[in-house]
């Protein structure tokens, strides 16, 4: 949406009424199509409980006119991407991890973003940023082919209420088994309609998939405990490895991989999870009702140092294996 003089109620209705895009238009504003309905969905004042997960169609969709090839994302691409903000000093803040919005109250991330020996003990888990694209500007704006400046809605920082780390995660372990966590937000994002959650693999047909040789996507700013690598949100394709091959690769250096709870992807020189955020999503598309719907298949856990080494895949937490734990820990 363009930043114009719209009332909050009108902006809310138009956002929820978006129904596609016209790829023939070069302007972001003109690309977005709005379908008129009898009444707006999720009207202002409605709240969705935190223990309710959206269904495909309510999650995992985006209107971006995607450019295939290239590492720079479109300004409105992957609208579920979150940056986790830490308070590092009384007046200092920084982004050192990422995550995914999964419903109105929760962000999914990696446990090592919450409990990590490399994170100073005085750092405070502070807020989650949604709707970010370029860290250098707010609002995010782009110039179209005709020289016109299009601006998206400003980002939103939402305070963190608390975090839940998987009880079997061991911060001192090199293997990072059970590297998964949930962040509960103080405020609901239900009415902040330019954010869309990503779908979780709730259906058993999806959660049990191995995804071997399937090409997935990773996106982010390269946010780790060492800082961010890029001011603009980037993306890259990653192919999922055969589990036996991945185990053999890491075992040669004394590392154990549990393929029931971890998955391996990438391993192409220079383009591994350097572009992904710690805790950010490894995303797969599934065809549902003639639409491509994004699901989070994995979470960025760890990989070779330096990143992007040929023949060494990144390790991701297999989200489907933790669906029962996730659902059990979602509160209204």
Foldseek 3Di string as FASTA:
>chain_A
DFPDPDDLQVVLQQLQQWDEFDLVDQDPVNGTDGDDDPDGPLHPPDDDAQLDFDDFVLFQDWHDPADPDFWFTDLLPQQQKKFWKKDPDPPDIATFFIFGDGFFWKTKFWQCVVPAPLADPPIGRWWMKGSDFFQVDFFDWDQTPVRDIGTDHGIDIFTWPDKAQPPPADNPDPQRFSTIMMTTTPGTCSSVSSHGGAHAPPDPVPLPDLQAQPKWKAKDQQRHSVHGDHRGITMDIKTWHDPVLQQVVVVVVPYGDDSLFKTWIHQAAPPACSRHGRGTFGWDWDQDPNDTGIYGQWGQHAWDPPPRHHPTTTMTTGRSSCPVVVSVPGGD
